């Protein structure tokens, strides 16, 4: 018989536990990285929700999501208030609506969990990890997606890291939530003196955690013996002048000056929109760069791109990367755009209402699918611009066409918040999932080089104007996750939902 340790707790206490449990998950991510709080958070959630009715479950799910997002995405306020020309009350209102709206996804998921599992607490324990993972996937897809704060991301430095190249971040999330459910089950089994099933459950759960370090030693991909030299520049340009034409020359001189000693590097990386004018206006600076480059050097920079779109049958803007050099080249147009930052949903109604809906360069269009890699000698670099690195399957699919990853960003939008640290952690998880080195260039941090195990091999602290130099290596071969994506884990979750829902476990248990 399963027990409920919070059965007699007042409603306000139960609500507080859920808010705290959601907030504990934020502490598993950077900059804290207390990954061990993940299963504990899940066990706390279950201690409140396991015996609740459908209507109660909706509210509990919403409170859990509220605790998670209110603590984990506070950087949204910086973008809206400090850089969105929006008053403090309006910024607080918009952030509140955003957080409350995201939390609704968890509310609906918990309600559905109750409908699927009915009154059986055993069935609820089995279904909870599956429902959580499917909810994460839906949240990363719905309305262009918000693939942020996946519990598995916290384990880029945790014991479950070895599962990432095998099955991806959602598989790690499944293990974490499953462990939380197992902790609750162990508590109930031991309390009712059912030691044999408790031992079996404990051993099975522990085996998944012990497998992580073993899997992390497996060489899924082969690292080249030939190093490539690189230099990436962090200009630390204030966001307030980024799109001011009066400061255009100053910005370009900053990056040209930072590059002065490194024109002969194999790969030179400037961050997102380091060239803050479109390619048709940037001809002279592009030619100047080409004239300064070494014979085998390639410079890669973010740049807005103005071109004719056959899809829209009109001229349009892209947030793009341009590779310049005799030994390579190429252009990549960003596919995953940030709502309100790079395009405005319901633009015809929202434009002009407040400053946040009129941010500079917020009229981009997504680029086409299946774009070619950027070429730098023998390196085939698959790019991801800013927000795109948060999408595990997107990066894994693209990585199959390249032997090196590159990502650029302008995290100046998030100021001195936790957002840039979370962003870097997701980039590290993508490198781990694909078994590829990643070069990350940002305007104001954190600029870094990441190896094929997701470990940082060099970085520049935030808010410093500096150059990072070193060596990185191309990689051959694909990890299992690159070949399958998240579908095996999602299929497993769906199978659990279907068969457990169909009363494979009797209702009276």
Protein backbone atom coordinates (compact mmCIF):
# COMPACT_ATOMS: atom_id res chain seq x y z
CA UNK A 1 0.00 0.00 0.00
CA UNK A 2 1.47 3.33 -1.06
CA UNK A 3 1.36 6.13 1.49
CA UNK A 4 1.05 9.88 1.21
CA UNK A 5 3.31 11.76 3.65
CA UNK A 6 1.50 15.07 2.98
CA UNK A 7 -2.04 13.73 3.16
CA UNK A 8 -2.95 15.90 6.13
CA UNK A 9 -1.01 19.02 5.14
CA UNK A 10 -3.08 22.20 4.71
CA UNK A 11 -3.61 23.41 1.15
CA UNK A 12 -1.26 26.35 1.51
CA UNK A 13 1.53 24.03 2.68
CA UNK A 14 0.97 21.66 -0.24
CA UNK A 15 1.01 24.62 -2.66
CA UNK A 16 4.25 25.86 -1.12
CA UNK A 17 5.85 22.43 -1.51
CA UNK A 18 4.99 22.41 -5.22
CA UNK A 19 6.36 25.91 -5.79
CA UNK A 20 9.57 24.97 -3.98
CA UNK A 21 9.83 21.67 -5.86
CA UNK A 22 9.60 23.54 -9.17
CA UNK A 23 12.19 26.09 -8.06
CA UNK A 24 14.56 23.32 -6.93
CA UNK A 25 14.82 22.23 -10.55
CA UNK A 26 16.25 25.63 -11.49
CA UNK A 27 19.09 24.98 -9.04
CA UNK A 28 20.08 21.89 -11.03
CA UNK A 29 21.11 24.12 -13.95
CA UNK A 30 23.98 26.56 -14.33
CA UNK A 31 25.31 28.51 -12.56
CA UNK A 32 24.52 26.24 -9.54
CA UNK A 33 24.56 22.78 -11.19
CA UNK A 34 23.17 20.90 -8.19
CA UNK A 35 21.97 18.05 -10.42
CA UNK A 36 21.12 15.80 -7.45
CA UNK A 37 18.11 18.02 -6.66
CA UNK A 38 16.30 16.72 -9.77
CA UNK A 39 15.01 13.40 -8.35
CA UNK A 40 14.32 15.07 -4.99
CA UNK A 41 12.13 17.66 -6.73
CA UNK A 42 10.14 14.92 -8.47
CA UNK A 43 9.67 12.98 -5.22
CA UNK A 44 8.35 16.14 -3.55
CA UNK A 45 5.90 16.73 -6.39
CA UNK A 46 4.62 13.17 -6.10
CA UNK A 47 4.26 13.48 -2.32
CA UNK A 48 1.59 16.12 -2.97
CA UNK A 49 -0.05 14.94 -6.19
CA UNK A 50 -0.15 11.13 -6.14
CA UNK A 51 -3.65 10.89 -4.65
CA UNK A 52 -5.18 14.11 -5.99
CA UNK A 53 -8.25 14.43 -8.22
CA UNK A 54 -8.15 15.79 -11.75
CA UNK A 55 -9.04 19.37 -10.87
CA UNK A 56 -6.51 19.39 -8.04
CA UNK A 57 -3.87 17.96 -10.37
CA UNK A 58 -4.33 20.80 -12.85
CA UNK A 59 -3.66 23.39 -10.14
CA UNK A 60 -0.73 21.38 -8.78
CA UNK A 61 0.85 21.10 -12.22
CA UNK A 62 0.41 24.82 -12.76
CA UNK A 63 2.04 25.59 -9.38
CA UNK A 64 4.95 23.27 -10.21
CA UNK A 65 5.46 25.00 -13.56
CA UNK A 66 5.12 28.39 -11.89
CA UNK A 67 7.90 27.53 -9.43
CA UNK A 68 10.12 26.28 -12.24
CA UNK A 69 9.68 29.10 -14.73
CA UNK A 70 9.35 31.98 -12.27
CA UNK A 71 12.78 31.03 -10.93
CA UNK A 72 14.36 29.71 -14.14
CA UNK A 73 13.53 32.26 -16.83
CA UNK A 74 13.79 35.53 -14.91
CA UNK A 75 16.20 36.73 -17.60
CA UNK A 76 13.13 37.47 -19.73
CA UNK A 77 12.59 40.56 -17.58
CA UNK A 78 16.02 41.96 -18.55
CA UNK A 79 15.19 41.66 -22.25
CA UNK A 80 11.79 43.29 -21.86
CA UNK A 81 12.63 46.06 -19.41
CA UNK A 82 16.25 47.05 -19.94
CA UNK A 83 16.52 46.48 -23.70
CA UNK A 84 12.87 46.53 -24.77
CA UNK A 85 12.17 50.19 -23.90
CA UNK A 86 9.32 49.05 -21.65
CA UNK A 87 8.27 50.49 -18.29
CA UNK A 88 8.82 48.39 -15.18
CA UNK A 89 5.09 47.71 -14.51
CA UNK A 90 4.49 46.61 -18.10
CA UNK A 91 7.67 44.49 -18.09
CA UNK A 92 6.57 42.77 -14.87
CA UNK A 93 3.12 42.16 -16.36
CA UNK A 94 4.51 40.66 -19.57
CA UNK A 95 6.95 38.44 -17.69
CA UNK A 96 4.16 37.28 -15.37
CA UNK A 97 1.93 36.41 -18.31
CA UNK A 98 4.79 34.55 -20.00
CA UNK A 99 5.62 32.49 -16.90
CA UNK A 100 1.97 31.79 -16.08
CA UNK A 101 1.33 30.73 -19.68
CA UNK A 102 4.27 28.33 -19.70
CA UNK A 103 3.10 26.87 -16.40
CA UNK A 104 -0.25 26.05 -18.00
CA UNK A 105 1.51 23.38 -20.05
CA UNK A 106 2.38 21.55 -16.83
CA UNK A 107 -1.12 22.09 -15.49
CA UNK A 108 -2.68 20.43 -18.53
CA UNK A 109 -0.08 17.64 -18.41
CA UNK A 110 -0.80 16.84 -14.77
CA UNK A 111 -4.54 16.84 -15.45
CA UNK A 112 -3.97 14.41 -18.34
CA UNK A 113 -1.74 12.28 -16.12
CA UNK A 114 -4.62 11.87 -13.70
CA UNK A 115 -7.05 10.99 -16.49
CA UNK A 116 -4.68 8.34 -17.86
CA UNK A 117 -3.77 6.75 -14.55
CA UNK A 118 -7.20 7.00 -12.91
CA UNK A 119 -7.10 6.29 -9.16
CA UNK A 120 -4.23 3.79 -9.14
CA UNK A 121 -1.16 5.25 -7.34
CA UNK A 122 1.09 2.53 -8.82
CA UNK A 123 -0.07 3.39 -12.31
CA UNK A 124 0.52 7.07 -11.56
CA UNK A 125 4.09 6.40 -10.45
CA UNK A 126 4.85 4.48 -13.64
CA UNK A 127 3.21 7.05 -15.89
CA UNK A 128 4.68 10.19 -14.32
CA UNK A 129 8.14 10.02 -16.01
CA UNK A 130 6.55 9.28 -19.39
CA UNK A 131 4.08 12.16 -19.10
CA UNK A 132 6.84 14.55 -17.99
CA UNK A 133 9.10 13.69 -20.95
CA UNK A 134 6.27 13.97 -23.48
CA UNK A 135 5.33 17.33 -21.95
CA UNK A 136 8.92 18.55 -22.37
CA UNK A 137 8.87 17.49 -26.01
CA UNK A 138 5.54 19.23 -26.66
CA UNK A 139 6.80 22.39 -24.96
CA UNK A 140 9.84 22.32 -27.25
CA UNK A 141 7.64 22.07 -30.34
CA UNK A 142 4.42 24.02 -29.64
CA UNK A 143 4.30 27.51 -31.21
CA UNK A 144 7.96 27.23 -32.38
CA UNK A 145 8.85 25.80 -28.97
CA UNK A 146 10.54 26.77 -25.73
CA UNK A 147 13.13 23.97 -25.22
CA UNK A 148 14.53 25.45 -22.02
CA UNK A 149 15.05 23.90 -18.56
CA UNK A 150 15.01 20.24 -19.55
CA UNK A 151 16.04 18.36 -16.40
CA UNK A 152 18.50 16.20 -18.35
CA UNK A 153 20.58 19.23 -19.36
CA UNK A 154 21.83 19.50 -15.77
CA UNK A 155 23.76 16.24 -16.17
CA UNK A 156 26.33 17.49 -18.65
CA UNK A 157 28.57 17.34 -15.57
CA UNK A 158 26.50 14.73 -13.74
CA UNK A 159 26.72 10.92 -13.52
CA UNK A 160 24.08 10.45 -16.23
CA UNK A 161 26.11 12.33 -18.87
CA UNK A 162 27.05 9.07 -20.62
CA UNK A 163 23.44 8.55 -21.70
CA UNK A 164 23.46 11.76 -23.80
CA UNK A 165 25.29 10.49 -26.93
CA UNK A 166 23.33 7.24 -26.73
CA UNK A 167 19.79 8.56 -26.34
CA UNK A 168 19.82 12.33 -25.80
CA UNK A 169 18.71 14.77 -23.15
CA UNK A 170 15.12 13.46 -22.97
CA UNK A 171 16.43 10.01 -22.00
CA UNK A 172 18.32 11.56 -19.09
CA UNK A 173 15.16 13.42 -18.07
CA UNK A 174 13.28 10.09 -18.15
CA UNK A 175 15.85 8.54 -15.81
CA UNK A 176 15.75 11.52 -13.43
CA UNK A 177 11.96 11.60 -13.19
CA UNK A 178 11.88 7.81 -12.97
CA UNK A 179 14.34 8.00 -10.09
CA UNK A 180 12.11 10.51 -8.31
CA UNK A 181 9.17 8.13 -8.71
CA UNK A 182 11.35 5.25 -7.49
CA UNK A 183 12.36 7.22 -4.40
CA UNK A 184 8.70 7.69 -3.54
CA UNK A 185 8.03 4.02 -4.20
CA UNK A 186 10.98 2.95 -2.04
CA UNK A 187 9.74 5.10 0.83
CA UNK A 188 6.31 3.46 0.67
CA UNK A 189 7.63 -0.08 0.23
CA UNK A 190 10.07 0.16 3.13
CA UNK A 191 7.43 1.76 5.35
CA UNK A 192 5.08 -1.15 4.62
CA UNK A 193 7.98 -3.63 5.15
CA UNK A 194 7.94 -4.97 1.61
CA UNK A 195 11.70 -5.29 1.47
CA UNK A 196 12.08 -7.64 -1.50
CA UNK A 197 10.31 -5.43 -4.08
CA UNK A 198 12.04 -2.41 -2.53
CA UNK A 199 15.42 -4.06 -3.12
CA UNK A 200 14.57 -4.91 -6.73
CA UNK A 201 13.39 -1.36 -7.41
CA UNK A 202 16.48 0.12 -5.76
CA UNK A 203 18.91 -2.09 -7.69
CA UNK A 204 17.25 -1.37 -11.06
CA UNK A 205 17.31 2.38 -10.44
CA UNK A 206 20.89 2.34 -9.24
CA UNK A 207 21.94 0.37 -12.34
CA UNK A 208 20.77 3.18 -14.62
CA UNK A 209 22.91 5.67 -12.70
CA UNK A 210 25.97 3.40 -12.63
CA UNK A 211 25.67 2.83 -16.38
CA UNK A 212 26.15 6.56 -17.03
CA UNK A 213 29.89 6.76 -16.17
CA UNK A 214 30.53 3.50 -18.04
CA UNK A 215 28.79 4.78 -21.18
CA UNK A 216 30.70 8.07 -20.96
CA UNK A 217 33.96 6.18 -21.56
CA UNK A 218 32.72 4.76 -24.87
CA UNK A 219 34.26 6.48 -27.95
CA UNK A 220 31.15 6.98 -30.06
CA UNK A 221 33.01 9.22 -32.51
CA UNK A 222 36.62 9.40 -33.70
CA UNK A 223 38.60 12.57 -33.06
CA UNK A 224 41.04 13.69 -35.77
CA UNK A 225 44.74 13.76 -34.96
CA UNK A 226 45.16 16.98 -36.94
CA UNK A 227 44.35 20.07 -34.86
CA UNK A 228 42.86 23.27 -36.22
CA UNK A 229 43.89 26.61 -34.79
CA UNK A 230 41.15 29.06 -33.89
CA UNK A 231 40.57 32.52 -32.49
CA UNK A 232 37.21 33.84 -31.36
CA UNK A 233 36.61 37.46 -30.41
CA UNK A 234 34.35 38.72 -27.63
CA UNK A 235 33.76 42.40 -28.36
CA UNK A 236 31.53 43.19 -25.35
CA UNK A 237 29.58 45.78 -27.36
CA UNK A 238 26.87 47.46 -25.21
CA UNK A 239 23.43 46.38 -26.37
CA UNK A 240 22.23 50.00 -26.27
CA UNK A 241 24.48 50.95 -29.22
CA UNK A 242 24.34 47.67 -31.13
CA UNK A 243 22.05 48.98 -33.88
CA UNK A 244 22.94 52.68 -33.68
CA UNK A 245 24.47 53.72 -37.04
CA UNK A 246 26.55 56.36 -35.28
CA UNK A 247 28.51 53.55 -33.60
CA UNK A 248 28.81 51.24 -36.63
CA UNK A 249 32.42 52.14 -37.42
CA UNK A 250 33.43 51.84 -33.75
CA UNK A 251 31.98 48.34 -33.52
CA UNK A 252 33.73 47.13 -36.64
CA UNK A 253 37.02 48.63 -35.47
CA UNK A 254 36.69 46.73 -32.19
CA UNK A 255 36.53 43.37 -33.98
CA UNK A 256 39.18 44.26 -36.54
CA UNK A 257 41.46 45.35 -33.71
CA UNK A 258 40.84 42.17 -31.71
CA UNK A 259 41.68 40.09 -34.80
CA UNK A 260 44.90 41.92 -35.64
CA UNK A 261 47.21 39.25 -34.22
CA UNK A 262 45.21 36.25 -35.46
CA UNK A 263 44.49 36.67 -39.17
CA UNK A 264 46.45 33.49 -39.94
CA UNK A 265 44.38 31.18 -37.69
CA UNK A 266 42.52 28.34 -39.45
CA UNK A 267 39.16 29.51 -38.06
CA UNK A 268 38.36 33.02 -36.84
CA UNK A 269 34.96 33.50 -35.22
CA UNK A 270 33.05 36.73 -34.61
CA UNK A 271 29.72 36.56 -32.71
CA UNK A 272 26.10 37.05 -33.74
CA UNK A 273 25.58 40.19 -35.89
CA UNK A 274 29.16 41.33 -35.20
CA UNK A 275 28.75 42.99 -38.59
CA UNK A 276 25.54 44.93 -37.81
CA UNK A 277 24.63 45.83 -41.41
CA UNK A 278 23.28 43.67 -44.20
CA UNK A 279 25.59 41.87 -46.61
CA UNK A 280 24.67 44.17 -49.52
CA UNK A 281 25.86 47.16 -47.45
CA UNK A 282 28.88 45.36 -45.98
CA UNK A 283 30.80 44.82 -49.24
CA UNK A 284 33.78 47.03 -48.30
CA UNK A 285 34.27 45.48 -44.86
CA UNK A 286 33.95 41.96 -46.29
CA UNK A 287 36.60 42.73 -48.90
CA UNK A 288 38.85 44.24 -46.23
CA UNK A 289 38.50 41.07 -44.16
CA UNK A 290 39.30 38.94 -47.20
CA UNK A 291 42.45 40.94 -47.89
CA UNK A 292 43.70 40.51 -44.31
CA UNK A 293 43.08 36.76 -44.00
CA UNK A 294 45.90 34.24 -44.23
CA UNK A 295 45.97 31.91 -47.22
CA UNK A 296 44.31 29.03 -45.36
CA UNK A 297 42.19 31.09 -42.95
CA UNK A 298 38.42 31.47 -42.83
CA UNK A 299 36.57 34.13 -40.84
CA UNK A 300 33.01 33.35 -39.72
CA UNK A 301 30.76 36.17 -38.56
CA UNK A 302 27.15 36.85 -37.79
CA UNK A 303 25.51 39.30 -40.19
CA UNK A 304 21.94 40.28 -41.15
CA UNK A 305 21.10 39.06 -44.66
CA UNK A 306 18.77 40.78 -47.11
CA UNK A 307 17.63 38.65 -50.03
CA UNK A 308 14.70 37.63 -52.18
CA UNK A 309 12.61 34.82 -50.70
CA UNK A 310 10.87 32.46 -53.11
CA UNK A 311 8.61 31.33 -50.23
CA UNK A 312 7.30 34.82 -49.51
CA UNK A 313 7.81 36.13 -53.06
CA UNK A 314 9.35 39.25 -51.60
CA UNK A 315 12.61 40.53 -50.17
CA UNK A 316 13.21 39.49 -46.60
CA UNK A 317 15.76 39.59 -43.78
CA UNK A 318 17.58 36.64 -42.24
CA UNK A 319 19.73 36.36 -39.14
CA UNK A 320 22.74 34.73 -40.77
CA UNK A 321 26.33 33.55 -40.60
CA UNK A 322 28.81 34.30 -43.36
CA UNK A 323 32.08 32.41 -43.87
CA UNK A 324 34.80 34.37 -45.71
CA UNK A 325 38.06 32.94 -47.07
CA UNK A 326 39.86 31.36 -50.02
CA UNK A 327 39.88 27.94 -48.31
CA UNK A 328 36.17 27.91 -47.53
CA UNK A 329 32.99 29.87 -47.35
CA UNK A 330 29.25 29.57 -47.16
CA UNK A 331 26.16 31.21 -45.71
CA UNK A 332 23.71 29.92 -43.13
CA UNK A 333 20.31 31.47 -42.37
CA UNK A 334 18.84 30.92 -38.91
CA UNK A 335 15.81 28.60 -38.85
CA UNK A 336 14.58 28.72 -35.23
CA UNK A 337 13.61 32.33 -34.55
CA UNK A 338 12.98 33.85 -31.12
CA UNK A 339 9.39 35.15 -30.76
CA UNK A 340 9.31 38.95 -30.24
CA UNK A 341 13.12 39.15 -30.42
CA UNK A 342 13.45 38.15 -34.10
CA UNK A 343 9.85 38.11 -35.28
CA UNK A 344 6.60 39.37 -33.81
CA UNK A 345 3.62 36.97 -33.71
CA UNK A 346 0.37 38.73 -34.69
CA UNK A 347 2.56 41.53 -35.99
CA UNK A 348 -0.26 43.52 -37.55
CA UNK A 349 -1.87 43.96 -34.12
CA UNK A 350 1.11 44.16 -31.76
CA UNK A 351 3.52 46.46 -33.60
CA UNK A 352 3.64 49.89 -32.02
CA UNK A 353 1.74 49.07 -28.81
CA UNK A 354 4.87 49.09 -26.61
CA UNK A 355 8.60 49.37 -27.27
CA UNK A 356 9.17 45.66 -26.71
CA UNK A 357 7.17 44.87 -29.86
CA UNK A 358 9.42 47.17 -31.91
CA UNK A 359 12.87 45.86 -31.06
CA UNK A 360 15.60 46.45 -33.67
CA UNK A 361 15.88 43.67 -36.26
CA UNK A 362 12.69 41.91 -35.13
CA UNK A 363 11.44 41.22 -38.66
CA UNK A 364 13.58 38.24 -39.60
CA UNK A 365 12.30 35.28 -41.60
CA UNK A 366 13.38 31.67 -40.95
CA UNK A 367 15.92 30.14 -43.30
CA UNK A 368 15.33 26.96 -45.32
CA UNK A 369 15.80 23.47 -43.93
CA UNK A 370 18.78 21.23 -44.75
CA UNK A 371 21.33 23.96 -45.36
CA UNK A 372 24.91 23.09 -46.27
CA UNK A 373 27.69 23.37 -43.70
CA UNK A 374 30.17 26.21 -43.67
CA UNK A 375 33.55 25.18 -45.06
CA UNK A 376 36.91 25.99 -43.48
CA UNK A 377 39.57 23.83 -45.12
CA UNK A 378 38.85 20.25 -44.05
CA UNK A 379 36.34 21.39 -41.45
CA UNK A 380 32.63 21.25 -42.23
CA UNK A 381 31.04 23.44 -39.60
CA UNK A 382 27.35 23.02 -38.82
CA UNK A 383 26.12 26.28 -37.31
CA UNK A 384 23.50 27.16 -34.73
CA UNK A 385 22.63 30.77 -34.04
CA UNK A 386 21.74 31.70 -30.46
CA UNK A 387 18.42 30.05 -29.52
CA UNK A 388 18.89 27.19 -32.02
CA UNK A 389 21.42 25.43 -29.80
CA UNK A 390 18.62 24.72 -27.30
CA UNK A 391 16.94 22.25 -29.72
CA UNK A 392 18.49 18.77 -29.26
CA UNK A 393 17.05 17.01 -32.31
CA UNK A 394 17.61 20.02 -34.57
CA UNK A 395 21.32 20.17 -33.71
CA UNK A 396 21.74 16.38 -33.88
CA UNK A 397 20.16 16.21 -37.33
CA UNK A 398 22.34 19.01 -38.68
CA UNK A 399 25.49 17.62 -37.07
CA UNK A 400 25.32 14.56 -39.33
CA UNK A 401 26.40 16.79 -42.22
CA UNK A 402 29.40 18.28 -40.43
CA UNK A 403 32.48 17.33 -38.43
CA UNK A 404 32.55 20.41 -36.20
CA UNK A 405 29.90 22.56 -34.51
CA UNK A 406 29.88 26.33 -34.27
CA UNK A 407 27.39 28.53 -32.46
CA UNK A 408 27.23 32.31 -32.14
CA UNK A 409 25.07 34.39 -29.85
CA UNK A 410 24.47 37.84 -28.43
CA UNK A 411 23.55 37.16 -24.82
CA UNK A 412 23.76 40.86 -24.07
CA UNK A 413 19.94 40.72 -24.19
CA UNK A 414 20.03 38.90 -20.83
CA UNK A 415 22.43 41.14 -18.92
CA UNK A 416 23.93 39.82 -15.69
CA UNK A 417 21.31 37.09 -15.24
CA UNK A 418 21.34 33.30 -15.17
CA UNK A 419 20.24 33.12 -18.82
CA UNK A 420 23.73 33.12 -20.43
CA UNK A 421 24.91 30.40 -18.03
CA UNK A 422 21.94 28.19 -18.90
CA UNK A 423 22.58 28.89 -22.59
CA UNK A 424 26.19 27.74 -22.33
CA UNK A 425 25.12 24.59 -20.48
CA UNK A 426 22.74 23.67 -23.31
CA UNK A 427 25.52 24.21 -25.86
CA UNK A 428 27.69 21.82 -23.88
CA UNK A 429 24.92 19.21 -23.89
CA UNK A 430 24.63 19.48 -27.69
CA UNK A 431 28.39 18.85 -28.03
CA UNK A 432 28.07 15.83 -25.73
CA UNK A 433 25.05 14.42 -27.59
CA UNK A 434 26.79 14.68 -30.97
CA UNK A 435 30.33 13.78 -29.88
CA UNK A 436 31.64 16.88 -31.63
CA UNK A 437 33.79 19.82 -30.70
CA UNK A 438 31.93 23.12 -30.57
CA UNK A 439 33.28 26.64 -30.91
CA UNK A 440 31.02 29.22 -29.27
CA UNK A 441 31.35 32.94 -29.97
CA UNK A 442 29.33 35.53 -28.05
CA UNK A 443 29.21 39.31 -27.83
CA UNK A 444 29.67 39.54 -24.06
CA UNK A 445 30.04 35.97 -22.78
CA UNK A 446 30.37 33.21 -22.27
CA UNK A 447 32.65 32.60 -25.28
CA UNK A 448 34.10 29.08 -25.11
CA UNK A 449 35.57 26.07 -26.86
CA UNK A 450 33.87 22.79 -25.89
CA UNK A 451 35.23 19.32 -26.55
CA UNK A 452 33.38 16.22 -27.76
CA UNK A 453 32.55 15.23 -24.15
CA UNK A 454 30.82 18.54 -23.46
CA UNK A 455 33.71 19.87 -21.36
CA UNK A 456 34.92 23.48 -21.61
CA UNK A 457 38.53 23.65 -22.77
CA UNK A 458 38.83 27.41 -22.67
CA UNK A 459 36.55 30.39 -22.17
CA UNK A 460 36.31 34.16 -21.75
CA UNK A 461 34.47 35.48 -18.69
CA UNK A 462 31.40 37.62 -19.18
CA UNK A 463 31.63 41.35 -19.86
CA UNK A 464 35.27 41.31 -20.93
CA UNK A 465 36.69 42.38 -24.29
CA UNK A 466 39.09 39.60 -25.09
CA UNK A 467 40.28 36.97 -27.60
CA UNK A 468 40.18 33.21 -27.01
CA UNK A 469 42.73 31.19 -28.98
CA UNK A 470 43.66 27.54 -29.06
CA UNK A 471 43.16 24.31 -30.97
CA UNK A 472 40.15 22.15 -31.73
CA UNK A 473 39.61 19.01 -33.75
CA UNK A 474 37.21 17.69 -36.31
CA UNK A 475 35.34 14.46 -35.59
CA UNK A 476 34.17 11.58 -37.79
CA UNK A 477 31.31 9.20 -37.15
CA UNK A 478 27.90 9.63 -35.59
CA UNK A 479 26.60 8.99 -32.10
CA UNK A 480 23.51 6.78 -31.79
CA UNK A 481 21.48 9.85 -30.79
CA UNK A 482 22.41 11.59 -34.04
CA UNK A 483 21.02 8.65 -36.01
CA UNK A 484 17.77 8.20 -34.11
CA UNK A 485 17.09 11.52 -32.40
CA UNK A 486 14.67 11.49 -29.46
CA UNK A 487 12.21 9.10 -31.11
CA UNK A 488 13.21 5.93 -29.20
CA UNK A 489 12.71 7.70 -25.86
CA UNK A 490 9.48 9.36 -26.96
CA UNK A 491 8.22 6.04 -28.32
CA UNK A 492 9.02 4.33 -25.02
CA UNK A 493 7.13 7.06 -23.16
CA UNK A 494 4.16 6.70 -25.51
CA UNK A 495 4.17 2.90 -25.08
CA UNK A 496 4.08 3.31 -21.30
CA UNK A 497 1.14 5.68 -21.62
CA UNK A 498 -0.79 3.34 -23.91
CA UNK A 499 -0.24 0.07 -22.04
CA UNK A 500 -0.40 1.33 -18.48
CA UNK A 501 -3.51 3.32 -19.35
CA UNK A 502 -5.09 0.16 -20.71
CA UNK A 503 -5.01 -1.38 -17.24
CA UNK A 504 -2.17 -3.80 -17.73
CA UNK A 505 -1.85 -2.98 -14.03
CA UNK A 506 -5.20 -3.74 -12.41
CA UNK A 507 -7.29 -0.76 -11.31
CA UNK A 508 -7.65 -1.94 -7.69
CA UNK A 509 -3.90 -1.81 -7.01
